[in-house]
Amino acid sequence: PGAFGSIAGDNEHVRVADFNGDGHLDVVFVAEDTEQHN
């Protein structure tokens, strides 16, 4: 619980990649109705 915070949203899809090049995988979520991507 709480690994990605506690903000509720209309999260539709998720992908992972090392976006900042530090050797660790990061996570991006996209939302529809709430229109807040994380």
PDB file of all heavy atoms in Angstrom:
ATOM      1  N   PRO A   1       0.822  -1.216   0.000  1.00  0.00           N
ATOM      2  CA  PRO A   1       0.000   0.000   0.000  1.00  0.00           C
ATOM      3  C   PRO A   1       0.857   1.267   0.000  1.00  0.00           C
ATOM      4  O   PRO A   1       1.877   1.344   0.688  1.00  0.00           O
ATOM      5  CB  PRO A   1      -0.804  -0.114   1.295  1.00  0.00           C
ATOM      6  CG  PRO A   1      -0.817  -1.578   1.608  1.00  0.00           C
ATOM      7  CD  PRO A   1       0.519  -2.083   1.148  1.00  0.00           C
ATOM      8  N   GLY A   2       0.422   2.237  -0.807  1.00  0.00           N
ATOM      9  CA  GLY A   2       1.084   3.532  -0.823  1.00  0.00           C
ATOM     10  C   GLY A   2       2.364   3.602  -1.614  1.00  0.00           C
ATOM     11  O   GLY A   2       3.033   4.643  -1.603  1.00  0.00           O
ATOM     12  N   ALA A   3       2.736   2.535  -2.311  1.00  0.00           N
ATOM     13  CA  ALA A   3       3.988   2.566  -3.076  1.00  0.00           C
ATOM     14  C   ALA A   3       3.981   3.688  -4.107  1.00  0.00           C
ATOM     15  O   ALA A   3       5.012   4.320  -4.370  1.00  0.00           O
ATOM     16  CB  ALA A   3       4.213   1.221  -3.765  1.00  0.00           C
ATOM     17  N   PHE A   4       2.822   3.937  -4.695  1.00  0.00           N
ATOM     18  CA  PHE A   4       2.665   5.032  -5.653  1.00  0.00           C
ATOM     19  C   PHE A   4       1.775   6.140  -5.087  1.00  0.00           C
ATOM     20  O   PHE A   4       1.104   6.859  -5.835  1.00  0.00           O
ATOM     21  CB  PHE A   4       2.067   4.504  -6.963  1.00  0.00           C
ATOM     22  CG  PHE A   4       2.913   3.466  -7.641  1.00  0.00           C
ATOM     23  CD1 PHE A   4       2.422   2.189  -7.854  1.00  0.00           C
ATOM     24  CD2 PHE A   4       4.199   3.751  -8.062  1.00  0.00           C
ATOM     25  CE1 PHE A   4       3.195   1.218  -8.479  1.00  0.00           C
ATOM     26  CE2 PHE A   4       4.985   2.792  -8.682  1.00  0.00           C
ATOM     27  CZ  PHE A   4       4.482   1.526  -8.891  1.00  0.00           C
ATOM     28  N   GLY A   5       1.758   6.280  -3.779  1.00  0.00           N
ATOM     29  CA  GLY A   5       0.917   7.275  -3.142  1.00  0.00           C
ATOM     30  C   GLY A   5      -0.510   6.764  -2.999  1.00  0.00           C
ATOM     31  O   GLY A   5      -0.819   5.605  -3.281  1.00  0.00           O
ATOM     32  N   SER A   6      -1.373   7.658  -2.561  1.00  0.00           N
ATOM     33  CA  SER A   6      -2.763   7.266  -2.297  1.00  0.00           C
ATOM     34  C   SER A   6      -3.761   8.044  -3.144  1.00  0.00           C
ATOM     35  O   SER A   6      -4.961   8.001  -2.890  1.00  0.00           O
ATOM     36  CB  SER A   6      -3.083   7.480  -0.816  1.00  0.00           C
ATOM     37  OG  SER A   6      -2.862   8.842  -0.448  1.00  0.00           O
ATOM     38  N   ILE A   7      -3.279   8.752  -4.171  1.00  0.00           N
ATOM     39  CA  ILE A   7      -4.166   9.561  -5.003  1.00  0.00           C
ATOM     40  C   ILE A   7      -4.988   8.648  -5.907  1.00  0.00           C
ATOM     41  O   ILE A   7      -4.438   7.858  -6.681  1.00  0.00           O
ATOM     42  CB  ILE A   7      -3.368  10.561  -5.857  1.00  0.00           C
ATOM     43  CG1 ILE A   7      -2.561  11.501  -4.956  1.00  0.00           C
ATOM     44  CG2 ILE A   7      -4.297  11.362  -6.758  1.00  0.00           C
ATOM     45  CD1 ILE A   7      -1.615  12.400  -5.719  1.00  0.00           C
ATOM     46  N   ALA A   8      -6.293   8.750  -5.813  1.00  0.00           N
ATOM     47  CA  ALA A   8      -7.176   7.954  -6.672  1.00  0.00           C
ATOM     48  C   ALA A   8      -7.319   8.645  -8.024  1.00  0.00           C
ATOM     49  O   ALA A   8      -7.343   9.871  -8.116  1.00  0.00           O
ATOM     50  CB  ALA A   8      -8.537   7.783  -6.020  1.00  0.00           C
ATOM     51  N   GLY A   9      -7.416   7.853  -9.076  1.00  0.00           N
ATOM     52  CA  GLY A   9      -7.584   8.408 -10.414  1.00  0.00           C
ATOM     53  C   GLY A   9      -8.181   7.387 -11.341  1.00  0.00           C
ATOM     54  O   GLY A   9      -8.340   6.217 -10.992  1.00  0.00           O
ATOM     55  N   ASP A  10      -8.495   7.843 -12.541  1.00  0.00           N
ATOM     56  CA  ASP A  10      -9.033   6.954 -13.570  1.00  0.00           C
ATOM     57  C   ASP A  10      -7.872   6.422 -14.399  1.00  0.00           C
ATOM     58  O   ASP A  10      -7.720   6.741 -15.571  1.00  0.00           O
ATOM     59  CB  ASP A  10     -10.038   7.715 -14.432  1.00  0.00           C
ATOM     60  CG  ASP A  10     -10.694   6.827 -15.470  1.00  0.00           C
ATOM     61  OD1 ASP A  10     -10.760   5.602 -15.249  1.00  0.00           O
ATOM     62  OD2 ASP A  10     -11.124   7.348 -16.515  1.00  0.00           O
ATOM     63  N   ASN A  11      -7.034   5.617 -13.764  1.00  0.00           N
ATOM     64  CA  ASN A  11      -5.800   5.139 -14.388  1.00  0.00           C
ATOM     65  C   ASN A  11      -6.111   4.020 -15.383  1.00  0.00           C
ATOM     66  O   ASN A  11      -6.687   2.999 -15.015  1.00  0.00           O
ATOM     67  CB  ASN A  11      -4.841   4.646 -13.310  1.00  0.00           C
ATOM     68  CG  ASN A  11      -4.518   5.729 -12.301  1.00  0.00           C
ATOM     69  OD1 ASN A  11      -3.802   6.665 -12.602  1.00  0.00           O
ATOM     70  ND2 ASN A  11      -5.072   5.610 -11.093  1.00  0.00           N
ATOM     71  N   GLU A  12      -5.706   4.224 -16.629  1.00  0.00           N
ATOM     72  CA  GLU A  12      -6.048   3.294 -17.705  1.00  0.00           C
ATOM     73  C   GLU A  12      -4.904   2.360 -18.082  1.00  0.00           C
ATOM     74  O   GLU A  12      -5.129   1.181 -18.318  1.00  0.00           O
ATOM     75  CB  GLU A  12      -6.493   4.090 -18.939  1.00  0.00           C
ATOM     76  CG  GLU A  12      -7.723   4.947 -18.713  1.00  0.00           C
ATOM     77  CD  GLU A  12      -9.008   4.143 -18.640  1.00  0.00           C
ATOM     78  OE1 GLU A  12      -9.088   3.101 -19.311  1.00  0.00           O
ATOM     79  OE2 GLU A  12      -9.933   4.565 -17.915  1.00  0.00           O
ATOM     80  N   HIS A  13      -3.699   2.910 -18.187  1.00  0.00           N
ATOM     81  CA  HIS A  13      -2.576   2.082 -18.651  1.00  0.00           C
ATOM     82  C   HIS A  13      -1.298   2.469 -17.926  1.00  0.00           C
ATOM     83  O   HIS A  13      -1.171   3.569 -17.376  1.00  0.00           O
ATOM     84  CB  HIS A  13      -2.393   2.217 -20.165  1.00  0.00           C
ATOM     85  CG  HIS A  13      -3.445   1.500 -20.947  1.00  0.00           C
ATOM     86  ND1 HIS A  13      -3.468   0.130 -21.100  1.00  0.00           N
ATOM     87  CD2 HIS A  13      -4.532   1.963 -21.607  1.00  0.00           C
ATOM     88  CE1 HIS A  13      -4.517  -0.222 -21.821  1.00  0.00           C
ATOM     89  NE2 HIS A  13      -5.179   0.872 -22.134  1.00  0.00           N
ATOM     90  N   VAL A  14      -0.313   1.552 -17.975  1.00  0.00           N
ATOM     91  CA  VAL A  14       0.959   1.742 -17.283  1.00  0.00           C
ATOM     92  C   VAL A  14       2.084   1.158 -18.133  1.00  0.00           C
ATOM     93  O   VAL A  14       1.914   0.125 -18.793  1.00  0.00           O
ATOM     94  CB  VAL A  14       0.926   1.073 -15.890  1.00  0.00           C
ATOM     95  CG1 VAL A  14       0.534  -0.405 -15.978  1.00  0.00           C
ATOM     96  CG2 VAL A  14       2.257   1.243 -15.168  1.00  0.00           C
ATOM     97  N   ARG A  15       3.241   1.848 -18.119  1.00  0.00           N
ATOM     98  CA  ARG A  15       4.443   1.355 -18.776  1.00  0.00           C
ATOM     99  C   ARG A  15       5.645   1.659 -17.893  1.00  0.00           C
ATOM    100  O   ARG A  15       5.605   2.577 -17.069  1.00  0.00           O
ATOM    101  CB  ARG A  15       4.625   1.988 -20.161  1.00  0.00           C
ATOM    102  CG  ARG A  15       3.586   1.582 -21.181  1.00  0.00           C
ATOM    103  CD  ARG A  15       3.666   0.110 -21.554  1.00  0.00           C
ATOM    104  NE  ARG A  15       2.696  -0.281 -22.563  1.00  0.00           N
ATOM    105  CZ  ARG A  15       1.484  -0.761 -22.294  1.00  0.00           C
ATOM    106  NH1 ARG A  15       1.097  -0.902 -21.033  1.00  0.00           N
ATOM    107  NH2 ARG A  15       0.663  -1.098 -23.266  1.00  0.00           N
ATOM    108  N   VAL A  16       6.723   0.908 -18.116  1.00  0.00           N
ATOM    109  CA  VAL A  16       7.929   1.094 -17.311  1.00  0.00           C
ATOM    110  C   VAL A  16       9.143   1.263 -18.214  1.00  0.00           C
ATOM    111  O   VAL A  16       9.203   0.719 -19.324  1.00  0.00           O
ATOM    112  CB  VAL A  16       8.153  -0.101 -16.351  1.00  0.00           C
ATOM    113  CG1 VAL A  16       6.977  -0.256 -15.404  1.00  0.00           C
ATOM    114  CG2 VAL A  16       8.400  -1.395 -17.117  1.00  0.00           C
ATOM    115  N   ALA A  17      10.118   2.049 -17.730  1.00  0.00           N
ATOM    116  CA  ALA A  17      11.402   2.249 -18.399  1.00  0.00           C
ATOM    117  C   ALA A  17      12.306   2.999 -17.437  1.00  0.00           C
ATOM    118  O   ALA A  17      11.838   3.601 -16.462  1.00  0.00           O
ATOM    119  CB  ALA A  17      11.235   3.040 -19.699  1.00  0.00           C
ATOM    120  N   ASP A  18      13.591   2.987 -17.698  1.00  0.00           N
ATOM    121  CA  ASP A  18      14.525   3.799 -16.919  1.00  0.00           C
ATOM    122  C   ASP A  18      14.589   5.170 -17.576  1.00  0.00           C
ATOM    123  O   ASP A  18      15.440   5.440 -18.423  1.00  0.00           O
ATOM    124  CB  ASP A  18      15.897   3.139 -16.883  1.00  0.00           C
ATOM    125  CG  ASP A  18      16.909   3.942 -16.080  1.00  0.00           C
ATOM    126  OD1 ASP A  18      16.507   4.918 -15.410  1.00  0.00           O
ATOM    127  OD2 ASP A  18      18.107   3.608 -16.146  1.00  0.00           O
ATOM    128  N   PHE A  19      13.677   6.041 -17.182  1.00  0.00           N
ATOM    129  CA  PHE A  19      13.555   7.337 -17.844  1.00  0.00           C
ATOM    130  C   PHE A  19      14.698   8.291 -17.515  1.00  0.00           C
ATOM    131  O   PHE A  19      15.106   9.085 -18.357  1.00  0.00           O
ATOM    132  CB  PHE A  19      12.219   7.991 -17.469  1.00  0.00           C
ATOM    133  CG  PHE A  19      11.014   7.282 -18.023  1.00  0.00           C
ATOM    134  CD1 PHE A  19      10.088   6.701 -17.176  1.00  0.00           C
ATOM    135  CD2 PHE A  19      10.814   7.182 -19.390  1.00  0.00           C
ATOM    136  CE1 PHE A  19       8.972   6.046 -17.678  1.00  0.00           C
ATOM    137  CE2 PHE A  19       9.708   6.534 -19.908  1.00  0.00           C
ATOM    138  CZ  PHE A  19       8.779   5.955 -19.049  1.00  0.00           C
ATOM    139  N   ASN A  20      15.212   8.238 -16.287  1.00  0.00           N
ATOM    140  CA  ASN A  20      16.230   9.212 -15.887  1.00  0.00           C
ATOM    141  C   ASN A  20      17.653   8.657 -15.918  1.00  0.00           C
ATOM    142  O   ASN A  20      18.600   9.337 -15.501  1.00  0.00           O
ATOM    143  CB  ASN A  20      15.918   9.782 -14.496  1.00  0.00           C
ATOM    144  CG  ASN A  20      15.858   8.707 -13.423  1.00  0.00           C
ATOM    145  OD1 ASN A  20      15.959   7.519 -13.711  1.00  0.00           O
ATOM    146  ND2 ASN A  20      15.672   9.129 -12.183  1.00  0.00           N
ATOM    147  N   GLY A  21      17.819   7.436 -16.417  1.00  0.00           N
ATOM    148  CA  GLY A  21      19.149   6.888 -16.647  1.00  0.00           C
ATOM    149  C   GLY A  21      19.944   6.560 -15.405  1.00  0.00           C
ATOM    150  O   GLY A  21      21.183   6.504 -15.464  1.00  0.00           O
ATOM    151  N   ASP A  22      19.272   6.285 -14.286  1.00  0.00           N
ATOM    152  CA  ASP A  22      19.993   5.968 -13.051  1.00  0.00           C
ATOM    153  C   ASP A  22      20.139   4.476 -12.813  1.00  0.00           C
ATOM    154  O   ASP A  22      20.623   4.044 -11.763  1.00  0.00           O
ATOM    155  CB  ASP A  22      19.323   6.631 -11.851  1.00  0.00           C
ATOM    156  CG  ASP A  22      17.932   6.064 -11.554  1.00  0.00           C
ATOM    157  OD1 ASP A  22      17.420   5.265 -12.374  1.00  0.00           O
ATOM    158  OD2 ASP A  22      17.351   6.438 -10.520  1.00  0.00           O
ATOM    159  N   GLY A  23      19.693   3.670 -13.787  1.00  0.00           N
ATOM    160  CA  GLY A  23      19.803   2.225 -13.659  1.00  0.00           C
ATOM    161  C   GLY A  23      18.638   1.554 -12.981  1.00  0.00           C
ATOM    162  O   GLY A  23      18.638   0.320 -12.823  1.00  0.00           O
ATOM    163  N   HIS A  24      17.622   2.342 -12.590  1.00  0.00           N
ATOM    164  CA  HIS A  24      16.430   1.791 -11.937  1.00  0.00           C
ATOM    165  C   HIS A  24      15.199   2.074 -12.792  1.00  0.00           C
ATOM    166  O   HIS A  24      15.090   3.150 -13.402  1.00  0.00           O
ATOM    167  CB  HIS A  24      16.246   2.403 -10.545  1.00  0.00           C
ATOM    168  CG  HIS A  24      17.455   2.307  -9.674  1.00  0.00           C
ATOM    169  ND1 HIS A  24      18.100   1.121  -9.422  1.00  0.00           N
ATOM    170  CD2 HIS A  24      18.151   3.268  -9.000  1.00  0.00           C
ATOM    171  CE1 HIS A  24      19.135   1.333  -8.635  1.00  0.00           C
ATOM    172  NE2 HIS A  24      19.188   2.629  -8.366  1.00  0.00           N
ATOM    173  N   LEU A  25      14.271   1.138 -12.802  1.00  0.00           N
ATOM    174  CA  LEU A  25      13.076   1.303 -13.610  1.00  0.00           C
ATOM    175  C   LEU A  25      12.085   2.263 -12.956  1.00  0.00           C
ATOM    176  O   LEU A  25      11.869   2.234 -11.744  1.00  0.00           O
ATOM    177  CB  LEU A  25      12.405  -0.049 -13.861  1.00  0.00           C
ATOM    178  CG  LEU A  25      13.145  -0.966 -14.838  1.00  0.00           C
ATOM    179  CD1 LEU A  25      12.478  -2.338 -14.902  1.00  0.00           C
ATOM    180  CD2 LEU A  25      13.217  -0.346 -16.232  1.00  0.00           C
ATOM    181  N   ASP A  26      11.511   3.089 -13.803  1.00  0.00           N
ATOM    182  CA  ASP A  26      10.503   4.062 -13.396  1.00  0.00           C
ATOM    183  C   ASP A  26       9.162   3.654 -13.996  1.00  0.00           C
ATOM    184  O   ASP A  26       9.098   2.762 -14.855  1.00  0.00           O
ATOM    185  CB  ASP A  26      10.919   5.451 -13.871  1.00  0.00           C
ATOM    186  CG  ASP A  26      12.378   5.765 -13.521  1.00  0.00           C
ATOM    187  OD1 ASP A  26      12.730   5.620 -12.348  1.00  0.00           O
ATOM    188  OD2 ASP A  26      13.153   6.118 -14.432  1.00  0.00           O
ATOM    189  N   VAL A  27       8.095   4.321 -13.563  1.00  0.00           N
ATOM    190  CA  VAL A  27       6.746   3.916 -13.955  1.00  0.00           C
ATOM    191  C   VAL A  27       5.944   5.140 -14.371  1.00  0.00           C
ATOM    192  O   VAL A  27       5.957   6.164 -13.676  1.00  0.00           O
ATOM    193  CB  VAL A  27       6.023   3.203 -12.789  1.00  0.00           C
ATOM    194  CG1 VAL A  27       4.650   2.706 -13.231  1.00  0.00           C
ATOM    195  CG2 VAL A  27       6.860   2.039 -12.264  1.00  0.00           C
ATOM    196  N   VAL A  28       5.228   5.034 -15.506  1.00  0.00           N
ATOM    197  CA  VAL A  28       4.326   6.099 -15.940  1.00  0.00           C
ATOM    198  C   VAL A  28       2.919   5.526 -16.082  1.00  0.00           C
ATOM    199  O   VAL A  28       2.728   4.453 -16.663  1.00  0.00           O
ATOM    200  CB  VAL A  28       4.805   6.753 -17.260  1.00  0.00           C
ATOM    201  CG1 VAL A  28       4.867   5.765 -18.412  1.00  0.00           C
ATOM    202  CG2 VAL A  28       3.927   7.945 -17.612  1.00  0.00           C
ATOM    203  N   PHE A  29       1.948   6.230 -15.498  1.00  0.00           N
ATOM    204  CA  PHE A  29       0.538   5.888 -15.600  1.00  0.00           C
ATOM    205  C   PHE A  29      -0.170   7.000 -16.375  1.00  0.00           C
ATOM    206  O   PHE A  29       0.128   8.188 -16.180  1.00  0.00           O
ATOM    207  CB  PHE A  29      -0.120   5.786 -14.219  1.00  0.00           C
ATOM    208  CG  PHE A  29       0.411   4.705 -13.326  1.00  0.00           C
ATOM    209  CD1 PHE A  29       1.434   4.975 -12.430  1.00  0.00           C
ATOM    210  CD2 PHE A  29      -0.116   3.427 -13.361  1.00  0.00           C
ATOM    211  CE1 PHE A  29       1.921   3.988 -11.575  1.00  0.00           C
ATOM    212  CE2 PHE A  29       0.360   2.431 -12.518  1.00  0.00           C
ATOM    213  CZ  PHE A  29       1.385   2.714 -11.625  1.00  0.00           C
ATOM    214  N   VAL A  30      -1.142   6.629 -17.219  1.00  0.00           N
ATOM    215  CA  VAL A  30      -1.984   7.634 -17.871  1.00  0.00           C
ATOM    216  C   VAL A  30      -3.431   7.427 -17.435  1.00  0.00           C
ATOM    217  O   VAL A  30      -3.875   6.303 -17.206  1.00  0.00           O
ATOM    218  CB  VAL A  30      -1.873   7.606 -19.404  1.00  0.00           C
ATOM    219  CG1 VAL A  30      -0.465   7.970 -19.845  1.00  0.00           C
ATOM    220  CG2 VAL A  30      -2.290   6.261 -19.977  1.00  0.00           C
ATOM    221  N   ALA A  31      -4.142   8.555 -17.317  1.00  0.00           N
ATOM    222  CA  ALA A  31      -5.519   8.540 -16.819  1.00  0.00           C
ATOM    223  C   ALA A  31      -6.453   9.149 -17.851  1.00  0.00           C
ATOM    224  O   ALA A  31      -6.058   9.987 -18.665  1.00  0.00           O
ATOM    225  CB  ALA A  31      -5.610   9.314 -15.506  1.00  0.00           C
ATOM    226  N   GLU A  32      -7.711   8.727 -17.779  1.00  0.00           N
ATOM    227  CA  GLU A  32      -8.710   9.242 -18.716  1.00  0.00           C
ATOM    228  C   GLU A  32      -9.549  10.326 -18.037  1.00  0.00           C
ATOM    229  O   GLU A  32      -9.250  11.512 -18.147  1.00  0.00           O
ATOM    230  CB  GLU A  32      -9.595   8.111 -19.239  1.00  0.00           C
ATOM    231  CG  GLU A  32     -10.543   8.570 -20.353  1.00  0.00           C
ATOM    232  CD  GLU A  32     -11.370   7.427 -20.919  1.00  0.00           C
ATOM    233  OE1 GLU A  32     -11.573   6.419 -20.219  1.00  0.00           O
ATOM    234  OE2 GLU A  32     -11.836   7.563 -22.058  1.00  0.00           O
ATOM    235  N   ASP A  33     -10.585   9.965 -17.304  1.00  0.00           N
ATOM    236  CA  ASP A  33     -11.530  10.952 -16.787  1.00  0.00           C
ATOM    237  C   ASP A  33     -10.877  11.981 -15.870  1.00  0.00           C
ATOM    238  O   ASP A  33     -11.225  13.164 -15.906  1.00  0.00           O
ATOM    239  CB  ASP A  33     -12.673  10.251 -16.048  1.00  0.00           C
ATOM    240  CG  ASP A  33     -13.578   9.475 -16.995  1.00  0.00           C
ATOM    241  OD1 ASP A  33     -13.451   9.668 -18.225  1.00  0.00           O
ATOM    242  OD2 ASP A  33     -14.394   8.667 -16.507  1.00  0.00           O
ATOM    243  N   THR A  34      -9.945  11.546 -15.023  1.00  0.00           N
ATOM    244  CA  THR A  34      -9.308  12.486 -14.094  1.00  0.00           C
ATOM    245  C   THR A  34      -8.200  13.300 -14.754  1.00  0.00           C
ATOM    246  O   THR A  34      -7.731  14.288 -14.165  1.00  0.00           O
ATOM    247  CB  THR A  34      -8.743  11.741 -12.874  1.00  0.00           C
ATOM    248  OG1 THR A  34      -7.933  10.647 -13.332  1.00  0.00           O
ATOM    249  CG2 THR A  34      -9.864  11.205 -12.003  1.00  0.00           C
ATOM    250  N   GLU A  35      -7.757  12.896 -15.939  1.00  0.00           N
ATOM    251  CA  GLU A  35      -6.827  13.669 -16.777  1.00  0.00           C
ATOM    252  C   GLU A  35      -5.524  14.018 -16.067  1.00  0.00           C
ATOM    253  O   GLU A  35      -4.905  15.041 -16.356  1.00  0.00           O
ATOM    254  CB  GLU A  35      -7.508  14.936 -17.297  1.00  0.00           C
ATOM    255  CG  GLU A  35      -8.755  14.657 -18.122  1.00  0.00           C
ATOM    256  CD  GLU A  35      -9.293  15.901 -18.823  1.00  0.00           C
ATOM    257  OE1 GLU A  35      -8.524  16.855 -19.031  1.00  0.00           O
ATOM    258  OE2 GLU A  35     -10.497  15.905 -19.164  1.00  0.00           O
ATOM    259  N   GLN A  36      -5.083  13.181 -15.145  1.00  0.00           N
ATOM    260  CA  GLN A  36      -3.822  13.421 -14.462  1.00  0.00           C
ATOM    261  C   GLN A  36      -2.893  12.232 -14.671  1.00  0.00           C
ATOM    262  O   GLN A  36      -3.106  11.156 -14.122  1.00  0.00           O
ATOM    263  CB  GLN A  36      -4.038  13.646 -12.964  1.00  0.00           C
ATOM    264  CG  GLN A  36      -2.746  13.846 -12.170  1.00  0.00           C
ATOM    265  CD  GLN A  36      -1.932  15.029 -12.665  1.00  0.00           C
ATOM    266  OE1 GLN A  36      -2.394  16.165 -12.624  1.00  0.00           O
ATOM    267  NE2 GLN A  36      -0.707  14.781 -13.124  1.00  0.00           N
ATOM    268  N   HIS A  37      -1.872  12.442 -15.500  1.00  0.00           N
ATOM    269  CA  HIS A  37      -0.891  11.393 -15.726  1.00  0.00           C
ATOM    270  C   HIS A  37       0.193  11.494 -14.649  1.00  0.00           C
ATOM    271  O   HIS A  37       0.511  12.592 -14.177  1.00  0.00           O
ATOM    272  CB  HIS A  37      -0.283  11.536 -17.117  1.00  0.00           C
ATOM    273  CG  HIS A  37      -1.312  11.772 -18.179  1.00  0.00           C
ATOM    274  ND1 HIS A  37      -2.487  11.050 -18.240  1.00  0.00           N
ATOM    275  CD2 HIS A  37      -1.369  12.677 -19.198  1.00  0.00           C
ATOM    276  CE1 HIS A  37      -3.212  11.482 -19.268  1.00  0.00           C
ATOM    277  NE2 HIS A  37      -2.564  12.477 -19.848  1.00  0.00           N
ATOM    278  N   ASN A  38       0.761  10.354 -14.297  1.00  0.00           N
ATOM    279  CA  ASN A  38       1.713  10.338 -13.191  1.00  0.00           C
ATOM    280  C   ASN A  38       2.986   9.592 -13.554  1.00  0.00           C
ATOM    281  O   ASN A  38       2.945   8.513 -14.161  1.00  0.00           O
ATOM    282  CB  ASN A  38       1.087   9.700 -11.952  1.00  0.00           C
ATOM    283  CG  ASN A  38       0.147  10.654 -11.233  1.00  0.00           C
ATOM    284  OD1 ASN A  38       0.558  11.728 -10.800  1.00  0.00           O
ATOM    285  ND2 ASN A  38      -1.124  10.275 -11.120  1.00  0.00           N
TER     286      ASN A  38
END
